């Protein structure tokens, strides 16, 4: 069964920062990226991104805009990427799951991110809509990136 999920990029435009998380468990343990998670039954993907952002960070987002879509067929995950610049609340991490912090926009820790995050994030931050398929092996090694925005069988790498 197809597993749908969301990813939430929250930008504090005034202070030039992004809300980021460090995973403390699971397949992403030790990696840094953004809040998000699995869509629940009968939940819209927009409601999912708002719920997951709040549950993991304590931040309530408003008017999230979809800025991308990623496929991870190896794990059967299909992830809608959203960006929000309207939010309220104070950081409160989901205990034992994530550390939450505001990261300076010019100091994003790409060296502590998964390959897919390193690939799509610069494009999203440049204002592009991303539509890609990431092929990983069973050990979490990235094997291929397919840019689904391109026609035919062209690949981005």
C-alpha atoms as a PDB file:
ATOM      1  CA  UNK A   1       0.000   0.000   0.000  1.00  0.00           C
ATOM      2  CA  UNK A   2       1.243   3.471  -0.911  1.00  0.00           C
ATOM      3  CA  UNK A   3       2.384   5.406   2.167  1.00  0.00           C
ATOM      4  CA  UNK A   4       1.772   9.153   1.912  1.00  0.00           C
ATOM      5  CA  UNK A   5       3.693  11.614   4.046  1.00  0.00           C
ATOM      6  CA  UNK A   6       4.455  15.306   4.339  1.00  0.00           C
ATOM      7  CA  UNK A   7       7.587  17.371   4.861  1.00  0.00           C
ATOM      8  CA  UNK A   8       7.375  20.876   6.346  1.00  0.00           C
ATOM      9  CA  UNK A   9       9.867  23.633   5.552  1.00  0.00           C
ATOM     10  CA  UNK A  10       9.090  26.536   7.888  1.00  0.00           C
ATOM     11  CA  UNK A  11      10.895  29.775   7.101  1.00  0.00           C
ATOM     12  CA  UNK A  12      11.205  32.727   9.462  1.00  0.00           C
ATOM     13  CA  UNK A  13      11.689  35.387   6.786  1.00  0.00           C
ATOM     14  CA  UNK A  14      12.233  38.233   9.263  1.00  0.00           C
ATOM     15  CA  UNK A  15      15.130  36.485  11.030  1.00  0.00           C
ATOM     16  CA  UNK A  16      16.450  34.534   7.999  1.00  0.00           C
ATOM     17  CA  UNK A  17      16.057  31.131   9.673  1.00  0.00           C
ATOM     18  CA  UNK A  18      14.537  27.712   9.005  1.00  0.00           C
ATOM     19  CA  UNK A  19      12.890  25.402  11.541  1.00  0.00           C
ATOM     20  CA  UNK A  20      14.870  22.159  11.456  1.00  0.00           C
ATOM     21  CA  UNK A  21      14.957  18.905  13.379  1.00  0.00           C
ATOM     22  CA  UNK A  22      17.550  16.309  14.275  1.00  0.00           C
ATOM     23  CA  UNK A  23      16.103  12.798  14.377  1.00  0.00           C
ATOM     24  CA  UNK A  24      16.805  10.866  17.583  1.00  0.00           C
ATOM     25  CA  UNK A  25      15.399   7.517  16.423  1.00  0.00           C
ATOM     26  CA  UNK A  26      14.234   5.555  13.413  1.00  0.00           C
ATOM     27  CA  UNK A  27      15.663   5.298   9.912  1.00  0.00           C
ATOM     28  CA  UNK A  28      16.735   8.974   9.980  1.00  0.00           C
ATOM     29  CA  UNK A  29      18.444   8.794  13.407  1.00  0.00           C
ATOM     30  CA  UNK A  30      21.268  11.343  13.566  1.00  0.00           C
ATOM     31  CA  UNK A  31      20.234  13.149  10.389  1.00  0.00           C
ATOM     32  CA  UNK A  32      18.959  16.720  10.187  1.00  0.00           C
ATOM     33  CA  UNK A  33      16.086  17.880   7.992  1.00  0.00           C
ATOM     34  CA  UNK A  34      12.538  19.149   8.532  1.00  0.00           C
ATOM     35  CA  UNK A  35       9.463  18.010  10.421  1.00  0.00           C
ATOM     36  CA  UNK A  36       6.907  15.796   8.769  1.00  0.00           C
ATOM     37  CA  UNK A  37       5.429  12.374   8.829  1.00  0.00           C
ATOM     38  CA  UNK A  38       2.799   9.910   7.721  1.00  0.00           C
ATOM     39  CA  UNK A  39      -0.656  10.949   6.613  1.00  0.00           C
ATOM     40  CA  UNK A  40      -3.430   9.446   8.693  1.00  0.00           C
ATOM     41  CA  UNK A  41      -6.513   7.797   7.221  1.00  0.00           C
ATOM     42  CA  UNK A  42      -9.147  10.342   6.087  1.00  0.00           C
ATOM     43  CA  UNK A  43      -6.679  13.221   6.590  1.00  0.00           C
ATOM     44  CA  UNK A  44      -5.761  15.631   3.797  1.00  0.00           C
ATOM     45  CA  UNK A  45      -2.065  16.059   3.056  1.00  0.00           C
ATOM     46  CA  UNK A  46      -2.393  19.745   4.051  1.00  0.00           C
ATOM     47  CA  UNK A  47      -3.860  18.756   7.429  1.00  0.00           C
ATOM     48  CA  UNK A  48      -1.069  16.188   7.774  1.00  0.00           C
ATOM     49  CA  UNK A  49       1.708  18.748   7.318  1.00  0.00           C
ATOM     50  CA  UNK A  50       0.095  21.096   9.848  1.00  0.00           C
ATOM     51  CA  UNK A  51      -0.444  18.306  12.406  1.00  0.00           C
ATOM     52  CA  UNK A  52       3.027  16.799  12.024  1.00  0.00           C
ATOM     53  CA  UNK A  53       4.720  20.203  12.264  1.00  0.00           C
ATOM     54  CA  UNK A  54       2.872  20.973  15.485  1.00  0.00           C
ATOM     55  CA  UNK A  55       3.379  17.500  17.013  1.00  0.00           C
ATOM     56  CA  UNK A  56       7.119  17.477  16.366  1.00  0.00           C
ATOM     57  CA  UNK A  57       7.995  21.130  16.944  1.00  0.00           C
ATOM     58  CA  UNK A  58       5.235  22.937  18.867  1.00  0.00           C
ATOM     59  CA  UNK A  59       4.913  25.399  15.976  1.00  0.00           C
ATOM     60  CA  UNK A  60       1.526  25.991  14.302  1.00  0.00           C
ATOM     61  CA  UNK A  61       1.820  26.772  10.587  1.00  0.00           C
ATOM     62  CA  UNK A  62      -0.670  28.599   8.373  1.00  0.00           C
ATOM     63  CA  UNK A  63      -1.208  28.528   4.614  1.00  0.00           C
ATOM     64  CA  UNK A  64       1.389  25.867   3.727  1.00  0.00           C
ATOM     65  CA  UNK A  65       2.184  25.904  -0.005  1.00  0.00           C
ATOM     66  CA  UNK A  66       3.164  22.708  -1.780  1.00  0.00           C
ATOM     67  CA  UNK A  67       6.633  23.167  -3.307  1.00  0.00           C
ATOM     68  CA  UNK A  68       7.470  19.612  -4.268  1.00  0.00           C
ATOM     69  CA  UNK A  69       6.762  15.919  -4.391  1.00  0.00           C
ATOM     70  CA  UNK A  70       9.210  13.060  -3.826  1.00  0.00           C
ATOM     71  CA  UNK A  71       8.895   9.346  -4.401  1.00  0.00           C
ATOM     72  CA  UNK A  72      10.859   6.737  -2.464  1.00  0.00           C
ATOM     73  CA  UNK A  73       9.764   3.481  -4.139  1.00  0.00           C
ATOM     74  CA  UNK A  74      12.237   1.339  -2.178  1.00  0.00           C
ATOM     75  CA  UNK A  75      10.267   2.094   0.999  1.00  0.00           C
ATOM     76  CA  UNK A  76       6.959   2.867  -0.787  1.00  0.00           C
ATOM     77  CA  UNK A  77       6.844   6.444   0.598  1.00  0.00           C
ATOM     78  CA  UNK A  78       5.410   9.358  -1.371  1.00  0.00           C
ATOM     79  CA  UNK A  79       6.167  12.711   0.227  1.00  0.00           C
ATOM     80  CA  UNK A  80       4.560  16.090  -0.424  1.00  0.00           C
ATOM     81  CA  UNK A  81       6.896  18.985   0.433  1.00  0.00           C
ATOM     82  CA  UNK A  82       5.347  22.138   1.852  1.00  0.00           C
ATOM     83  CA  UNK A  83       6.790  25.528   2.704  1.00  0.00           C
ATOM     84  CA  UNK A  84       5.304  27.913   5.246  1.00  0.00           C
ATOM     85  CA  UNK A  85       6.261  31.455   6.171  1.00  0.00           C
ATOM     86  CA  UNK A  86       3.303  32.074   8.503  1.00  0.00           C
ATOM     87  CA  UNK A  87       3.482  30.443  11.927  1.00  0.00           C
ATOM     88  CA  UNK A  88       2.999  30.941  15.628  1.00  0.00           C
ATOM     89  CA  UNK A  89       4.137  29.258  18.829  1.00  0.00           C
ATOM     90  CA  UNK A  90       7.268  28.328  20.686  1.00  0.00           C
ATOM     91  CA  UNK A  91       9.563  25.426  19.965  1.00  0.00           C
ATOM     92  CA  UNK A  92       8.710  22.318  21.957  1.00  0.00           C
ATOM     93  CA  UNK A  93      10.311  19.139  20.627  1.00  0.00           C
ATOM     94  CA  UNK A  94       8.531  15.789  20.627  1.00  0.00           C
ATOM     95  CA  UNK A  95      10.476  14.139  23.446  1.00  0.00           C
ATOM     96  CA  UNK A  96      12.760  11.240  22.530  1.00  0.00           C
ATOM     97  CA  UNK A  97      11.972  11.678  18.804  1.00  0.00           C
ATOM     98  CA  UNK A  98      13.581  14.915  17.642  1.00  0.00           C
ATOM     99  CA  UNK A  99      15.615  17.943  18.633  1.00  0.00           C
ATOM    100  CA  UNK A 100      14.153  21.162  17.208  1.00  0.00           C
ATOM    101  CA  UNK A 101      16.039  24.353  16.409  1.00  0.00           C
ATOM    102  CA  UNK A 102      16.034  27.480  14.242  1.00  0.00           C
ATOM    103  CA  UNK A 103      18.887  27.339  11.733  1.00  0.00           C
ATOM    104  CA  UNK A 104      20.398  30.393  10.014  1.00  0.00           C
ATOM    105  CA  UNK A 105      19.366  30.321   6.349  1.00  0.00           C
ATOM    106  CA  UNK A 106      22.971  30.745   5.199  1.00  0.00           C
ATOM    107  CA  UNK A 107      24.246  27.892   7.422  1.00  0.00           C
ATOM    108  CA  UNK A 108      22.050  24.937   6.521  1.00  0.00           C
ATOM    109  CA  UNK A 109      23.928  21.799   7.689  1.00  0.00           C
ATOM    110  CA  UNK A 110      23.962  19.918   4.373  1.00  0.00           C
ATOM    111  CA  UNK A 111      26.766  17.707   5.707  1.00  0.00           C
ATOM    112  CA  UNK A 112      24.328  16.280   8.292  1.00  0.00           C
ATOM    113  CA  UNK A 113      21.498  15.625   5.853  1.00  0.00           C
ATOM    114  CA  UNK A 114      20.497  12.614   3.758  1.00  0.00           C
ATOM    115  CA  UNK A 115      21.384  12.646   0.061  1.00  0.00           C
ATOM    116  CA  UNK A 116      17.793  13.319  -1.027  1.00  0.00           C
ATOM    117  CA  UNK A 117      17.601  16.372   1.263  1.00  0.00           C
ATOM    118  CA  UNK A 118      20.886  17.706  -0.108  1.00  0.00           C
ATOM    119  CA  UNK A 119      19.490  17.304  -3.613  1.00  0.00           C
ATOM    120  CA  UNK A 120      15.992  18.814  -3.441  1.00  0.00           C
ATOM    121  CA  UNK A 121      16.500  21.557  -0.843  1.00  0.00           C
ATOM    122  CA  UNK A 122      18.622  24.001  -2.896  1.00  0.00           C
ATOM    123  CA  UNK A 123      16.065  23.793  -5.713  1.00  0.00           C
ATOM    124  CA  UNK A 124      13.117  24.419  -3.381  1.00  0.00           C
ATOM    125  CA  UNK A 125      14.921  27.327  -1.725  1.00  0.00           C
ATOM    126  CA  UNK A 126      15.601  28.775  -5.193  1.00  0.00           C
ATOM    127  CA  UNK A 127      11.839  28.821  -5.789  1.00  0.00           C
ATOM    128  CA  UNK A 128      11.606  25.728  -8.010  1.00  0.00           C
ATOM    129  CA  UNK A 129       8.942  23.040  -7.720  1.00  0.00           C
ATOM    130  CA  UNK A 130      10.654  19.679  -7.199  1.00  0.00           C
ATOM    131  CA  UNK A 131       9.257  16.392  -8.526  1.00  0.00           C
ATOM    132  CA  UNK A 132      11.789  13.566  -8.090  1.00  0.00           C
ATOM    133  CA  UNK A 133      12.161   9.865  -7.446  1.00  0.00           C
ATOM    134  CA  UNK A 134      14.958   8.715  -5.143  1.00  0.00           C
ATOM    135  CA  UNK A 135      16.138   5.124  -5.417  1.00  0.00           C
ATOM    136  CA  UNK A 136      17.920   3.793  -2.323  1.00  0.00           C
ATOM    137  CA  UNK A 137      19.262   0.303  -1.716  1.00  0.00           C
ATOM    138  CA  UNK A 138      18.294  -1.749   1.344  1.00  0.00           C
ATOM    139  CA  UNK A 139      21.242  -0.242   3.290  1.00  0.00           C
ATOM    140  CA  UNK A 140      20.157   3.368   2.747  1.00  0.00           C
ATOM    141  CA  UNK A 141      22.673   4.126  -0.025  1.00  0.00           C
ATOM    142  CA  UNK A 142      21.342   6.414  -2.754  1.00  0.00           C
ATOM    143  CA  UNK A 143      21.550   4.658  -6.106  1.00  0.00           C
ATOM    144  CA  UNK A 144      19.736   7.043  -8.437  1.00  0.00           C
ATOM    145  CA  UNK A 145      17.771  10.289  -8.691  1.00  0.00           C
ATOM    146  CA  UNK A 146      15.146  10.583 -11.395  1.00  0.00           C
ATOM    147  CA  UNK A 147      13.812  14.051 -12.141  1.00  0.00           C
ATOM    148  CA  UNK A 148      10.146  13.391 -12.895  1.00  0.00           C
ATOM    149  CA  UNK A 149       9.763  16.961 -14.182  1.00  0.00           C
ATOM    150  CA  UNK A 150      11.906  16.019 -17.180  1.00  0.00           C
ATOM    151  CA  UNK A 151      10.396  14.223 -20.123  1.00  0.00           C
ATOM    152  CA  UNK A 152      11.105  10.654 -21.108  1.00  0.00           C
ATOM    153  CA  UNK A 153      13.800   8.839 -19.184  1.00  0.00           C
ATOM    154  CA  UNK A 154      16.150  11.748 -18.590  1.00  0.00           C
ATOM    155  CA  UNK A 155      17.872  11.675 -15.241  1.00  0.00           C
ATOM    156  CA  UNK A 156      19.193  14.485 -13.110  1.00  0.00           C
ATOM    157  CA  UNK A 157      22.446  12.704 -12.386  1.00  0.00           C
END
